[in-house]
Amino acid sequence: MWRNCCGLSVVLLPVFMDASCHAANDTPHIPREHVHRAANVECLSLTGRLLHARTDDTQTQKLNADLAAARDALTEDPTDAERIVWVGRRLGYLWRINDAIDVFTQGIKNHPNYAPLYRHRGHRHISLRRFDEAIADLERAATLIKGKSDEVELDGMPNARNIPLTTTAFNVWYHLGLAHYLKGNFETALSAYRKTMTFAKRYDDNVVATTDWMYMTLRKLGRDTEAAALLQTITPKMEIIENHAYHRRLLMYKGLVSPSALLDLEHATDLDLTTLGYGVGNWYLLNGQEDKAREIFERATNGPYWPAFGFIAAEVDLARLGKSRP
């Protein structure tokens, strides 16, 4: 057994138990030399599972074409920081997280004051369960954007209405809140989410995404009255473009949708278990139904969508709960 950055017990495979496993933040991950030796392996989950880059699926061909186009654009101007960011982002969509981080890191060497490089590298450190490194990057990004005009962040995978919903500042603070939440720094996470909300603009999508994590944070802190107060402005008629899972989870917290109606475990897809599963599992956990929560968390973390935030959060709570009961 070995203890990670969150103070959680993790079982690691013996082949990876060497000194290089111990990053500065003590988050378990596969050393880079093992990543390159193991085909498509990106890291270890918090429960010791090997996590892989995308293989052939319905989206891979387009994602690879998008990556090739981003690389061609960078070749035309290798010093352009925004083009560097896009290559890293395109790698991330293919779940080639280590390669993405390498791109962002090289970009930072040449553009040490370009906040989006830190914002996106911080996101991908979260993907690799390196929460302390994510926090360091995102705090650096927050410092760099302070006092500057905010900018809309274009989507690499546009929503159905092709409307970019978020800004650089929103994403910096949102991901910083998440990294602290995953570390168990709930007071700090709450503060970051409150800051996030100031950049939500007019979009209900941003409101529901931030409110969901704020609600769960307050519940983790035992501040149930404050958590309930957040739900007052959440209604079924909100205009949601892409964050339907967060909206539906909030309606469940509010009592307008039952957990079983929101997540039918008999028929849920892997994507349902990832996008809805953590919220439903956490609801059971916070309401004293630990066995039901464990069941959902375990099913959510058996699926393929390992870079998803709900998947990672379910891993964290599973590790805190300890091994499954016989």
Protein backbone atom coordinates (compact mmCIF):
# COMPACT_ATOMS: atom_id res chain seq x y z
CA MET A 1 0.00 0.00 0.00
CA TRP A 2 1.10 3.53 -0.70
CA ARG A 3 -0.39 6.88 0.15
CA ASN A 4 -1.17 9.48 -2.44
CA CYS A 5 -1.55 13.25 -2.31
CA CYS A 6 -5.03 13.05 -0.83
CA GLY A 7 -3.88 10.82 2.01
CA LEU A 8 -5.70 7.88 0.44
CA SER A 9 -4.46 4.30 0.39
CA VAL A 10 -3.73 3.06 -3.11
CA VAL A 11 -2.63 -0.34 -4.33
CA LEU A 12 0.04 -0.03 -7.04
CA LEU A 13 1.32 -2.73 -9.36
CA PRO A 14 4.83 -3.85 -8.33
CA VAL A 15 6.38 -2.99 -11.71
CA PHE A 16 5.67 0.67 -11.05
CA MET A 17 6.86 0.76 -7.46
CA ASP A 18 10.10 2.64 -7.92
CA ALA A 19 11.40 5.98 -6.72
CA SER A 20 10.20 7.79 -9.81
CA CYS A 21 6.59 7.03 -8.87
CA HIS A 22 6.84 9.58 -6.08
CA ALA A 23 6.11 12.91 -7.69
CA ALA A 24 6.45 16.12 -5.73
CA ASN A 25 2.78 15.90 -4.83
CA ASP A 26 2.87 12.14 -4.14
CA THR A 27 0.08 11.42 -6.61
CA PRO A 28 0.41 7.90 -8.05
CA HIS A 29 1.15 7.89 -11.76
CA ILE A 30 3.19 5.83 -14.15
CA PRO A 31 6.73 7.15 -14.58
CA ARG A 32 7.38 8.57 -18.04
CA GLU A 33 9.74 5.73 -19.01
CA HIS A 34 6.97 3.20 -18.31
CA VAL A 35 4.42 5.29 -20.19
CA HIS A 36 6.56 5.08 -23.32
CA ARG A 37 7.16 1.35 -22.94
CA ALA A 38 3.49 0.49 -22.44
CA ALA A 39 1.41 1.06 -25.57
CA ASN A 40 -1.15 3.83 -25.08
CA VAL A 41 -0.81 3.75 -21.27
CA GLU A 42 -1.08 7.24 -19.79
CA CYS A 43 -1.20 6.74 -16.03
CA LEU A 44 -2.57 4.74 -13.13
CA SER A 45 -5.95 5.48 -11.67
CA LEU A 46 -6.20 6.18 -7.95
CA THR A 47 -7.36 2.58 -7.57
CA GLY A 48 -4.44 1.09 -9.52
CA ARG A 49 -6.07 0.64 -12.92
CA LEU A 50 -4.05 1.24 -16.10
CA LEU A 51 -5.54 4.12 -18.08
CA HIS A 52 -5.03 4.33 -21.82
CA ALA A 53 -5.11 6.88 -24.61
CA ARG A 54 -8.02 6.66 -27.03
CA THR A 55 -7.93 3.79 -29.47
CA ASP A 56 -10.08 3.57 -32.59
CA ASP A 57 -13.63 4.68 -31.91
CA THR A 58 -16.25 6.73 -33.71
CA GLN A 59 -14.53 10.02 -32.89
CA THR A 60 -10.86 9.13 -33.25
CA GLN A 61 -10.52 9.69 -36.98
CA LYS A 62 -11.86 13.24 -36.78
CA LEU A 63 -9.83 14.00 -33.66
CA ASN A 64 -6.65 12.85 -35.39
CA ALA A 65 -7.49 15.00 -38.41
CA ASP A 66 -8.02 17.99 -36.13
CA LEU A 67 -4.67 17.31 -34.46
CA ALA A 68 -2.92 17.13 -37.83
CA ALA A 69 -4.45 20.47 -38.83
CA ALA A 70 -3.33 22.06 -35.54
CA ARG A 71 0.21 20.77 -36.08
CA ASP A 72 0.23 22.12 -39.64
CA ALA A 73 -0.85 25.51 -38.34
CA LEU A 74 1.91 25.46 -35.73
CA THR A 75 4.49 24.55 -38.38
CA GLU A 76 3.57 27.75 -40.21
CA ASP A 77 4.37 29.79 -37.08
CA PRO A 78 6.16 27.72 -34.40
CA THR A 79 6.44 30.72 -32.05
CA ASP A 80 2.69 31.39 -31.83
CA ALA A 81 1.54 30.62 -28.27
CA GLU A 82 -2.10 30.14 -29.20
CA ARG A 83 -1.19 27.58 -31.85
CA ILE A 84 0.90 25.71 -29.29
CA VAL A 85 -2.12 25.61 -26.99
CA TRP A 86 -4.27 24.13 -29.75
CA VAL A 87 -1.85 21.29 -30.43
CA GLY A 88 -1.88 20.46 -26.71
CA ARG A 89 -5.65 20.65 -26.56
CA ARG A 90 -6.05 18.38 -29.59
CA LEU A 91 -3.75 15.81 -28.00
CA GLY A 92 -5.82 16.01 -24.82
CA TYR A 93 -9.03 15.18 -26.71
CA LEU A 94 -7.30 11.99 -27.85
CA TRP A 95 -6.46 11.29 -24.19
CA ARG A 96 -2.77 11.53 -25.03
CA ILE A 97 -2.37 13.46 -21.83
CA ASN A 98 1.37 13.10 -21.32
CA ASP A 99 2.05 14.32 -24.85
CA ALA A 100 -0.29 17.26 -24.26
CA ILE A 101 1.54 18.21 -21.08
CA ASP A 102 4.86 18.02 -22.92
CA VAL A 103 3.54 20.46 -25.52
CA PHE A 104 2.28 22.90 -22.89
CA THR A 105 5.54 22.62 -20.96
CA GLN A 106 7.63 23.43 -24.01
CA GLY A 107 5.30 26.32 -24.75
CA ILE A 108 5.76 27.69 -21.24
CA LYS A 109 9.53 27.70 -21.71
CA ASN A 110 9.09 30.10 -24.63
CA HIS A 111 6.02 31.96 -23.31
CA PRO A 112 6.34 31.96 -19.50
CA ASN A 113 3.66 34.64 -19.06
CA TYR A 114 0.97 33.21 -21.34
CA ALA A 115 -1.84 32.18 -18.98
CA PRO A 116 -3.71 29.71 -21.27
CA LEU A 117 -0.68 27.42 -21.31
CA TYR A 118 -0.87 27.08 -17.52
CA ARG A 119 -4.66 26.85 -17.58
CA HIS A 120 -4.63 23.90 -20.00
CA ARG A 121 -1.62 22.17 -18.46
CA GLY A 122 -3.35 22.43 -15.09
CA HIS A 123 -6.43 20.77 -16.56
CA ARG A 124 -4.34 17.90 -17.89
CA HIS A 125 -2.51 17.45 -14.61
CA ILE A 126 -5.98 16.83 -13.14
CA SER A 127 -6.51 14.18 -15.84
CA LEU A 128 -3.37 12.41 -14.60
CA ARG A 129 -4.49 12.70 -10.96
CA ARG A 130 -1.61 15.13 -10.19
CA PHE A 131 -3.65 17.56 -8.15
CA ASP A 132 -0.83 19.54 -6.56
CA GLU A 133 0.77 20.20 -9.93
CA ALA A 134 -2.61 21.25 -11.27
CA ILE A 135 -3.08 23.69 -8.40
CA ALA A 136 0.36 25.21 -8.99
CA ASP A 137 -0.35 25.76 -12.68
CA LEU A 138 -3.83 27.14 -12.17
CA GLU A 139 -2.71 29.51 -9.41
CA ARG A 140 0.00 30.77 -11.76
CA ALA A 141 -2.64 31.30 -14.46
CA ALA A 142 -4.85 33.17 -11.98
CA THR A 143 -1.95 35.48 -11.16
CA LEU A 144 -1.24 36.13 -14.84
CA ILE A 145 -4.84 37.05 -15.71
CA LYS A 146 -5.41 39.28 -12.68
CA GLY A 147 -6.40 42.78 -13.73
CA LYS A 148 -6.53 41.90 -17.42
CA SER A 149 -9.54 41.82 -19.72
CA ASP A 150 -11.15 38.39 -19.90
CA GLU A 151 -11.31 36.54 -23.20
CA VAL A 152 -13.78 34.01 -24.58
CA GLU A 153 -12.25 30.54 -24.85
CA LEU A 154 -13.07 28.89 -28.16
CA ASP A 155 -14.31 25.30 -28.04
CA GLY A 156 -12.27 22.48 -29.51
CA MET A 157 -15.37 20.28 -29.56
CA PRO A 158 -18.22 22.78 -30.16
CA ASN A 159 -21.67 22.33 -28.69
CA ALA A 160 -24.80 21.85 -30.79
CA ARG A 161 -25.30 25.59 -31.20
CA ASN A 162 -21.59 26.32 -31.78
CA ILE A 163 -21.60 28.93 -29.02
CA PRO A 164 -18.44 29.18 -26.88
CA LEU A 165 -19.76 29.52 -23.34
CA THR A 166 -16.70 30.06 -21.18
CA THR A 167 -13.80 32.45 -20.79
CA THR A 168 -10.19 32.00 -19.77
CA ALA A 169 -10.89 33.32 -16.27
CA PHE A 170 -13.93 31.09 -15.81
CA ASN A 171 -11.91 28.02 -16.74
CA VAL A 172 -8.91 28.95 -14.60
CA TRP A 173 -11.03 29.31 -11.46
CA TYR A 174 -13.36 26.40 -12.28
CA HIS A 175 -10.47 23.97 -12.68
CA LEU A 176 -8.70 25.39 -9.64
CA GLY A 177 -11.83 24.76 -7.59
CA LEU A 178 -11.98 21.21 -8.91
CA ALA A 179 -8.33 20.48 -8.10
CA HIS A 180 -8.83 21.66 -4.51
CA TYR A 181 -12.09 19.68 -4.25
CA LEU A 182 -10.31 16.51 -5.36
CA LYS A 183 -7.54 17.17 -2.83
CA GLY A 184 -10.12 17.53 -0.08
CA ASN A 185 -9.39 21.26 0.39
CA PHE A 186 -13.08 22.06 0.50
CA GLU A 187 -12.92 25.57 1.97
CA THR A 188 -10.39 26.61 -0.68
CA ALA A 189 -12.46 24.91 -3.38
CA LEU A 190 -15.53 26.83 -2.28
CA SER A 191 -13.68 30.12 -2.49
CA ALA A 192 -12.49 29.27 -6.01
CA TYR A 193 -15.99 28.33 -7.12
CA ARG A 194 -17.39 31.60 -5.79
CA LYS A 195 -14.78 33.37 -7.91
CA THR A 196 -15.73 31.17 -10.88
CA MET A 197 -19.33 32.31 -10.62
CA THR A 198 -18.31 35.93 -11.17
CA PHE A 199 -17.22 34.91 -14.68
CA ALA A 200 -20.30 32.84 -15.52
CA LYS A 201 -21.63 35.65 -17.77
CA ARG A 202 -25.20 35.19 -18.93
CA TYR A 203 -25.09 31.48 -19.63
CA ASP A 204 -27.13 29.06 -17.53
CA ASP A 205 -24.69 26.31 -18.53
CA ASN A 206 -21.93 28.00 -16.55
CA VAL A 207 -24.24 28.62 -13.62
CA VAL A 208 -25.34 24.99 -13.31
CA ALA A 209 -21.82 23.57 -13.73
CA THR A 210 -20.42 25.81 -11.00
CA THR A 211 -23.44 25.46 -8.72
CA ASP A 212 -23.22 21.68 -8.87
CA TRP A 213 -19.64 21.61 -7.58
CA MET A 214 -20.37 24.36 -5.03
CA TYR A 215 -23.36 22.36 -3.75
CA MET A 216 -21.29 19.21 -3.34
CA THR A 217 -18.49 21.19 -1.70
CA LEU A 218 -20.84 22.72 0.87
CA ARG A 219 -22.35 19.30 1.57
CA LYS A 220 -18.85 17.88 2.12
CA LEU A 221 -18.31 20.70 4.62
CA GLY A 222 -21.56 19.85 6.40
CA ARG A 223 -23.06 23.23 5.50
CA ASP A 224 -26.34 21.77 4.29
CA THR A 225 -28.44 24.91 4.76
CA GLU A 226 -26.10 26.94 2.55
CA ALA A 227 -26.07 24.15 0.00
CA ALA A 228 -29.87 24.09 -0.14
CA ALA A 229 -29.94 27.87 -0.60
CA LEU A 230 -27.89 27.52 -3.79
CA LEU A 231 -30.73 25.56 -5.35
CA GLN A 232 -33.30 28.34 -5.07
CA THR A 233 -32.46 29.78 -8.48
CA ILE A 234 -32.25 26.38 -10.21
CA THR A 235 -35.38 25.63 -12.24
CA PRO A 236 -36.43 23.08 -14.88
CA LYS A 237 -36.85 25.90 -17.41
CA MET A 238 -33.24 27.07 -17.45
CA GLU A 239 -31.76 27.42 -20.95
CA ILE A 240 -29.14 24.68 -21.12
CA ILE A 241 -27.05 24.19 -24.25
CA GLU A 242 -24.61 21.47 -23.22
CA ASN A 243 -24.40 20.97 -19.44
CA HIS A 244 -27.58 18.93 -19.18
CA ALA A 245 -26.04 16.43 -16.74
CA TYR A 246 -25.19 19.16 -14.22
CA HIS A 247 -28.67 20.67 -14.58
CA ARG A 248 -30.38 17.34 -14.03
CA ARG A 249 -28.18 16.58 -11.02
CA LEU A 250 -29.17 19.90 -9.46
CA LEU A 251 -32.85 19.12 -10.04
CA MET A 252 -32.22 15.84 -8.20
CA TYR A 253 -30.59 17.66 -5.28
CA LYS A 254 -33.64 19.92 -5.22
CA GLY A 255 -35.97 16.92 -5.01
CA LEU A 256 -37.59 17.43 -8.42
CA VAL A 257 -36.05 14.27 -9.88
CA SER A 258 -35.40 11.02 -8.00
CA PRO A 259 -31.92 9.46 -8.06
CA SER A 260 -33.29 6.28 -9.64
CA ALA A 261 -35.05 8.24 -12.37
CA LEU A 262 -31.92 10.24 -13.09
CA LEU A 263 -29.65 7.18 -13.27
CA ASP A 264 -31.22 3.85 -14.19
CA LEU A 265 -28.43 1.47 -13.24
CA GLU A 266 -29.95 -1.38 -15.23
CA HIS A 267 -29.85 0.53 -18.51
CA ALA A 268 -27.29 3.31 -17.99
CA THR A 269 -24.57 3.65 -20.61
CA ASP A 270 -20.92 4.08 -19.67
CA LEU A 271 -21.27 7.77 -20.49
CA ASP A 272 -24.36 8.08 -18.26
CA LEU A 273 -22.45 6.49 -15.40
CA THR A 274 -19.63 8.97 -15.91
CA THR A 275 -21.65 12.16 -16.39
CA LEU A 276 -24.47 11.45 -13.96
CA GLY A 277 -22.98 8.73 -11.79
CA TYR A 278 -20.74 10.83 -9.57
CA GLY A 279 -23.50 13.26 -8.65
CA VAL A 280 -25.95 10.46 -7.88
CA GLY A 281 -23.36 8.41 -6.02
CA ASN A 282 -22.27 11.42 -4.00
CA TRP A 283 -25.91 12.20 -3.17
CA TYR A 284 -26.29 8.69 -1.72
CA LEU A 285 -23.00 9.05 0.16
CA LEU A 286 -23.95 12.40 1.66
CA ASN A 287 -27.33 11.00 2.69
CA GLY A 288 -25.85 8.05 4.58
CA GLN A 289 -26.29 5.32 1.94
CA GLU A 290 -22.65 4.31 1.65
CA ASP A 291 -23.23 0.91 0.03
CA LYS A 292 -25.35 2.41 -2.74
CA ALA A 293 -22.78 5.15 -3.28
CA ARG A 294 -19.98 2.60 -3.49
CA GLU A 295 -21.90 0.55 -6.07
CA ILE A 296 -22.36 3.57 -8.33
CA PHE A 297 -18.79 4.82 -7.90
CA GLU A 298 -17.41 1.38 -8.76
CA ARG A 299 -19.53 1.11 -11.89
CA ALA A 300 -18.64 4.67 -12.91
CA THR A 301 -14.92 3.94 -12.63
CA ASN A 302 -15.13 0.70 -14.59
CA GLY A 303 -16.06 2.55 -17.78
CA PRO A 304 -13.77 4.02 -20.44
CA TYR A 305 -14.17 7.77 -19.78
CA TRP A 306 -11.29 8.08 -17.33
CA PRO A 307 -10.35 11.76 -18.02
CA ALA A 308 -13.87 12.91 -17.04
CA PHE A 309 -14.09 14.88 -13.80
CA GLY A 310 -16.89 12.72 -12.41
CA PHE A 311 -14.80 9.60 -13.02
CA ILE A 312 -11.84 11.10 -11.15
CA ALA A 313 -13.99 12.34 -8.28
CA ALA A 314 -15.59 8.90 -7.97
CA GLU A 315 -12.09 7.40 -7.72
CA VAL A 316 -11.23 9.82 -4.94
CA ASP A 317 -14.33 8.98 -2.93
CA LEU A 318 -13.87 5.25 -3.53
CA ALA A 319 -10.31 5.49 -2.23
CA ARG A 320 -11.57 7.33 0.86
CA LEU A 321 -14.20 4.64 1.39
CA GLY A 322 -11.55 1.92 1.13
CA LYS A 323 -11.80 -1.46 -0.54
CA SER A 324 -15.15 -2.92 -1.53
CA ARG A 325 -16.80 -5.06 1.05
CA PRO A 326 -16.86 -8.81 0.34
